[in-house]
Amino acid sequence: MNRFYRYIKKKMEATNRIKAVLAEKRLTSKWLSLRLGKSENTISRWCSNKVQPTLDNLYEVAEILDIEVRCLIAPTKQTTF
């Protein structure tokens, strides 16, 4: 695997977990867009990780979903204790 391919693959990996959390809670991106007052297109781009929400938006999403904001962020490293 060449360097460019690895770089692109890494960039395509999920960096937020909004889509996963919505699925776990059996909620839709349309429901979230109505609660946030954002367009469905914006929420869709967040869910597909094409665009990342601001930290303020992540806090707002976490509050609406009644979870900690860290649950919305994909880990970058595996932690071992």
N, C-alpha and C. Protein backbone atom coordinates (compact mmCIF):
# COMPACT_ATOMS: atom_id res chain seq x y z
N MET A 1 0.85 -1.18 0.00
CA MET A 1 0.00 0.00 0.00
C MET A 1 0.90 1.24 0.00
N ASN A 2 0.70 2.13 -0.96
CA ASN A 2 1.57 3.30 -1.01
C ASN A 2 1.13 4.38 -0.02
N ARG A 3 1.99 5.36 0.18
CA ARG A 3 1.75 6.41 1.19
C ARG A 3 0.49 7.23 0.89
N PHE A 4 0.29 7.56 -0.37
CA PHE A 4 -0.87 8.36 -0.73
C PHE A 4 -2.17 7.64 -0.38
N TYR A 5 -2.25 6.35 -0.70
CA TYR A 5 -3.44 5.56 -0.41
C TYR A 5 -3.69 5.51 1.10
N ARG A 6 -2.64 5.30 1.89
CA ARG A 6 -2.80 5.27 3.35
C ARG A 6 -3.29 6.61 3.87
N TYR A 7 -2.77 7.71 3.30
CA TYR A 7 -3.18 9.05 3.71
C TYR A 7 -4.66 9.27 3.42
N ILE A 8 -5.10 8.92 2.23
CA ILE A 8 -6.50 9.09 1.85
C ILE A 8 -7.40 8.22 2.73
N LYS A 9 -6.99 6.98 2.96
CA LYS A 9 -7.79 6.08 3.79
C LYS A 9 -7.93 6.63 5.20
N LYS A 10 -6.86 7.17 5.76
CA LYS A 10 -6.91 7.73 7.10
C LYS A 10 -7.84 8.93 7.15
N LYS A 11 -7.81 9.77 6.13
CA LYS A 11 -8.67 10.95 6.08
C LYS A 11 -10.14 10.57 5.97
N MET A 12 -10.42 9.41 5.39
CA MET A 12 -11.80 8.99 5.19
C MET A 12 -12.39 8.31 6.43
N GLU A 13 -11.55 7.95 7.38
CA GLU A 13 -12.05 7.30 8.59
C GLU A 13 -12.92 8.26 9.39
N ALA A 14 -13.88 7.72 10.08
CA ALA A 14 -14.79 8.54 10.86
C ALA A 14 -14.04 9.26 11.98
N THR A 15 -14.35 10.53 12.14
CA THR A 15 -13.77 11.28 13.23
C THR A 15 -14.84 11.69 14.24
N ASN A 16 -16.11 11.63 13.83
CA ASN A 16 -17.17 11.82 14.82
C ASN A 16 -18.13 10.64 14.76
N ARG A 17 -18.86 10.45 15.82
CA ARG A 17 -19.75 9.28 15.95
C ARG A 17 -21.22 9.66 15.96
N ILE A 18 -21.57 10.80 15.38
CA ILE A 18 -22.95 11.26 15.42
C ILE A 18 -23.89 10.24 14.80
N LYS A 19 -23.54 9.74 13.63
CA LYS A 19 -24.39 8.75 12.95
C LYS A 19 -24.58 7.51 13.80
N ALA A 20 -23.51 7.02 14.40
CA ALA A 20 -23.59 5.81 15.22
C ALA A 20 -24.47 6.03 16.45
N VAL A 21 -24.32 7.17 17.10
CA VAL A 21 -25.11 7.45 18.30
C VAL A 21 -26.59 7.61 17.94
N LEU A 22 -26.88 8.28 16.83
CA LEU A 22 -28.27 8.39 16.39
C LEU A 22 -28.87 7.01 16.16
N ALA A 23 -28.11 6.12 15.53
CA ALA A 23 -28.60 4.76 15.28
C ALA A 23 -28.82 4.01 16.58
N GLU A 24 -27.88 4.15 17.53
CA GLU A 24 -28.01 3.47 18.82
C GLU A 24 -29.28 3.93 19.55
N LYS A 25 -29.60 5.20 19.39
CA LYS A 25 -30.77 5.77 20.08
C LYS A 25 -32.04 5.70 19.22
N ARG A 26 -31.90 5.11 18.02
CA ARG A 26 -33.02 4.97 17.09
C ARG A 26 -33.64 6.32 16.75
N LEU A 27 -32.77 7.28 16.46
CA LEU A 27 -33.18 8.61 16.06
C LEU A 27 -32.67 8.88 14.65
N THR A 28 -33.25 9.87 14.00
CA THR A 28 -32.86 10.18 12.63
C THR A 28 -32.11 11.51 12.56
N SER A 29 -31.40 11.67 11.48
CA SER A 29 -30.71 12.95 11.27
C SER A 29 -31.73 14.07 11.06
N LYS A 30 -32.89 13.74 10.52
CA LYS A 30 -33.95 14.75 10.36
C LYS A 30 -34.41 15.23 11.73
N TRP A 31 -34.59 14.32 12.68
CA TRP A 31 -34.99 14.69 14.04
C TRP A 31 -33.95 15.61 14.65
N LEU A 32 -32.67 15.26 14.49
CA LEU A 32 -31.60 16.08 15.05
C LEU A 32 -31.56 17.45 14.39
N SER A 33 -31.77 17.51 13.09
CA SER A 33 -31.74 18.80 12.40
C SER A 33 -32.85 19.71 12.91
N LEU A 34 -34.02 19.15 13.19
CA LEU A 34 -35.12 19.96 13.73
C LEU A 34 -34.80 20.45 15.13
N ARG A 35 -34.22 19.61 15.95
CA ARG A 35 -33.87 19.99 17.32
C ARG A 35 -32.77 21.06 17.36
N LEU A 36 -31.82 20.98 16.42
CA LEU A 36 -30.70 21.92 16.40
C LEU A 36 -31.00 23.19 15.62
N GLY A 37 -32.03 23.13 14.78
CA GLY A 37 -32.31 24.28 13.92
C GLY A 37 -31.31 24.39 12.78
N LYS A 38 -30.77 23.26 12.37
CA LYS A 38 -29.81 23.20 11.26
C LYS A 38 -30.47 22.47 10.09
N SER A 39 -29.94 22.66 8.91
CA SER A 39 -30.51 21.97 7.74
C SER A 39 -30.19 20.47 7.81
N GLU A 40 -31.05 19.69 7.16
CA GLU A 40 -30.81 18.25 7.08
C GLU A 40 -29.51 17.97 6.35
N ASN A 41 -29.19 18.81 5.38
CA ASN A 41 -27.95 18.67 4.62
C ASN A 41 -26.73 18.81 5.53
N THR A 42 -26.76 19.78 6.44
CA THR A 42 -25.66 19.98 7.38
C THR A 42 -25.47 18.75 8.26
N ILE A 43 -26.56 18.25 8.82
CA ILE A 43 -26.48 17.07 9.69
C ILE A 43 -25.99 15.87 8.89
N SER A 44 -26.45 15.73 7.66
CA SER A 44 -26.01 14.63 6.81
C SER A 44 -24.50 14.69 6.57
N ARG A 45 -23.97 15.87 6.33
CA ARG A 45 -22.52 16.02 6.12
C ARG A 45 -21.75 15.69 7.39
N TRP A 46 -22.31 16.04 8.56
CA TRP A 46 -21.66 15.67 9.82
C TRP A 46 -21.67 14.15 9.98
N CYS A 47 -22.83 13.53 9.72
CA CYS A 47 -22.98 12.08 9.90
C CYS A 47 -22.07 11.29 8.96
N SER A 48 -21.84 11.81 7.79
CA SER A 48 -20.98 11.11 6.83
C SER A 48 -19.51 11.52 6.97
N ASN A 49 -19.23 12.39 7.93
CA ASN A 49 -17.87 12.88 8.19
C ASN A 49 -17.26 13.62 7.01
N LYS A 50 -18.11 14.19 6.17
CA LYS A 50 -17.60 15.02 5.08
C LYS A 50 -17.19 16.38 5.62
N VAL A 51 -17.90 16.83 6.65
CA VAL A 51 -17.61 18.09 7.34
C VAL A 51 -17.72 17.80 8.83
N GLN A 52 -16.87 18.44 9.61
CA GLN A 52 -16.92 18.24 11.06
C GLN A 52 -17.64 19.41 11.74
N PRO A 53 -18.51 19.11 12.70
CA PRO A 53 -19.17 20.19 13.43
C PRO A 53 -18.17 20.92 14.32
N THR A 54 -18.51 22.14 14.66
CA THR A 54 -17.66 22.89 15.60
C THR A 54 -17.78 22.26 16.97
N LEU A 55 -16.89 22.61 17.85
CA LEU A 55 -16.94 22.09 19.21
C LEU A 55 -18.23 22.53 19.90
N ASP A 56 -18.65 23.77 19.65
CA ASP A 56 -19.92 24.24 20.22
C ASP A 56 -21.09 23.40 19.72
N ASN A 57 -21.08 23.07 18.43
CA ASN A 57 -22.15 22.22 17.88
C ASN A 57 -22.11 20.82 18.48
N LEU A 58 -20.91 20.28 18.69
CA LEU A 58 -20.80 18.96 19.32
C LEU A 58 -21.39 18.97 20.73
N TYR A 59 -21.12 20.03 21.48
CA TYR A 59 -21.69 20.14 22.82
C TYR A 59 -23.22 20.22 22.76
N GLU A 60 -23.72 20.95 21.77
CA GLU A 60 -25.17 21.06 21.61
C GLU A 60 -25.79 19.71 21.26
N VAL A 61 -25.15 18.99 20.36
CA VAL A 61 -25.63 17.65 19.97
C VAL A 61 -25.61 16.72 21.18
N ALA A 62 -24.53 16.75 21.94
CA ALA A 62 -24.42 15.89 23.12
C ALA A 62 -25.52 16.20 24.13
N GLU A 63 -25.81 17.47 24.32
CA GLU A 63 -26.87 17.84 25.26
C GLU A 63 -28.23 17.34 24.78
N ILE A 64 -28.51 17.49 23.51
CA ILE A 64 -29.79 17.02 22.95
C ILE A 64 -29.91 15.50 23.05
N LEU A 65 -28.80 14.80 22.81
CA LEU A 65 -28.83 13.34 22.86
C LEU A 65 -28.64 12.78 24.27
N ASP A 66 -28.42 13.67 25.23
CA ASP A 66 -28.25 13.30 26.63
C ASP A 66 -27.07 12.33 26.82
N ILE A 67 -25.93 12.72 26.24
CA ILE A 67 -24.70 11.94 26.37
C ILE A 67 -23.55 12.91 26.61
N GLU A 68 -22.40 12.36 27.00
CA GLU A 68 -21.21 13.18 27.14
C GLU A 68 -20.63 13.46 25.76
N VAL A 69 -20.07 14.64 25.60
CA VAL A 69 -19.55 15.04 24.28
C VAL A 69 -18.45 14.08 23.81
N ARG A 70 -17.70 13.51 24.72
CA ARG A 70 -16.63 12.59 24.30
C ARG A 70 -17.17 11.34 23.63
N CYS A 71 -18.44 11.01 23.85
CA CYS A 71 -19.06 9.86 23.18
C CYS A 71 -19.28 10.12 21.70
N LEU A 72 -19.20 11.39 21.30
CA LEU A 72 -19.40 11.75 19.90
C LEU A 72 -18.11 11.81 19.10
N ILE A 73 -16.98 11.68 19.78
CA ILE A 73 -15.69 11.81 19.11
C ILE A 73 -15.02 10.45 19.04
N ALA A 74 -14.63 10.07 17.85
CA ALA A 74 -13.95 8.78 17.66
C ALA A 74 -12.55 8.87 18.25
N PRO A 75 -12.12 7.83 18.98
CA PRO A 75 -10.77 7.86 19.56
C PRO A 75 -9.72 7.85 18.46
N THR A 76 -8.61 8.52 18.73
CA THR A 76 -7.51 8.56 17.77
C THR A 76 -6.45 7.52 18.09
N LYS A 77 -6.42 7.08 19.34
CA LYS A 77 -5.47 6.05 19.76
C LYS A 77 -6.16 5.09 20.71
N GLN A 78 -5.70 3.88 20.70
CA GLN A 78 -6.22 2.89 21.66
C GLN A 78 -5.46 3.05 22.97
N THR A 79 -6.20 3.25 24.05
CA THR A 79 -5.59 3.43 25.34
C THR A 79 -5.56 2.11 26.10
N THR A 80 -4.43 1.79 26.67
CA THR A 80 -4.34 0.60 27.51
C THR A 80 -3.89 1.04 28.90
N PHE A 81 -4.48 0.45 29.88
CA PHE A 81 -4.16 0.80 31.27
C PHE A 81 -3.45 -0.35 31.94
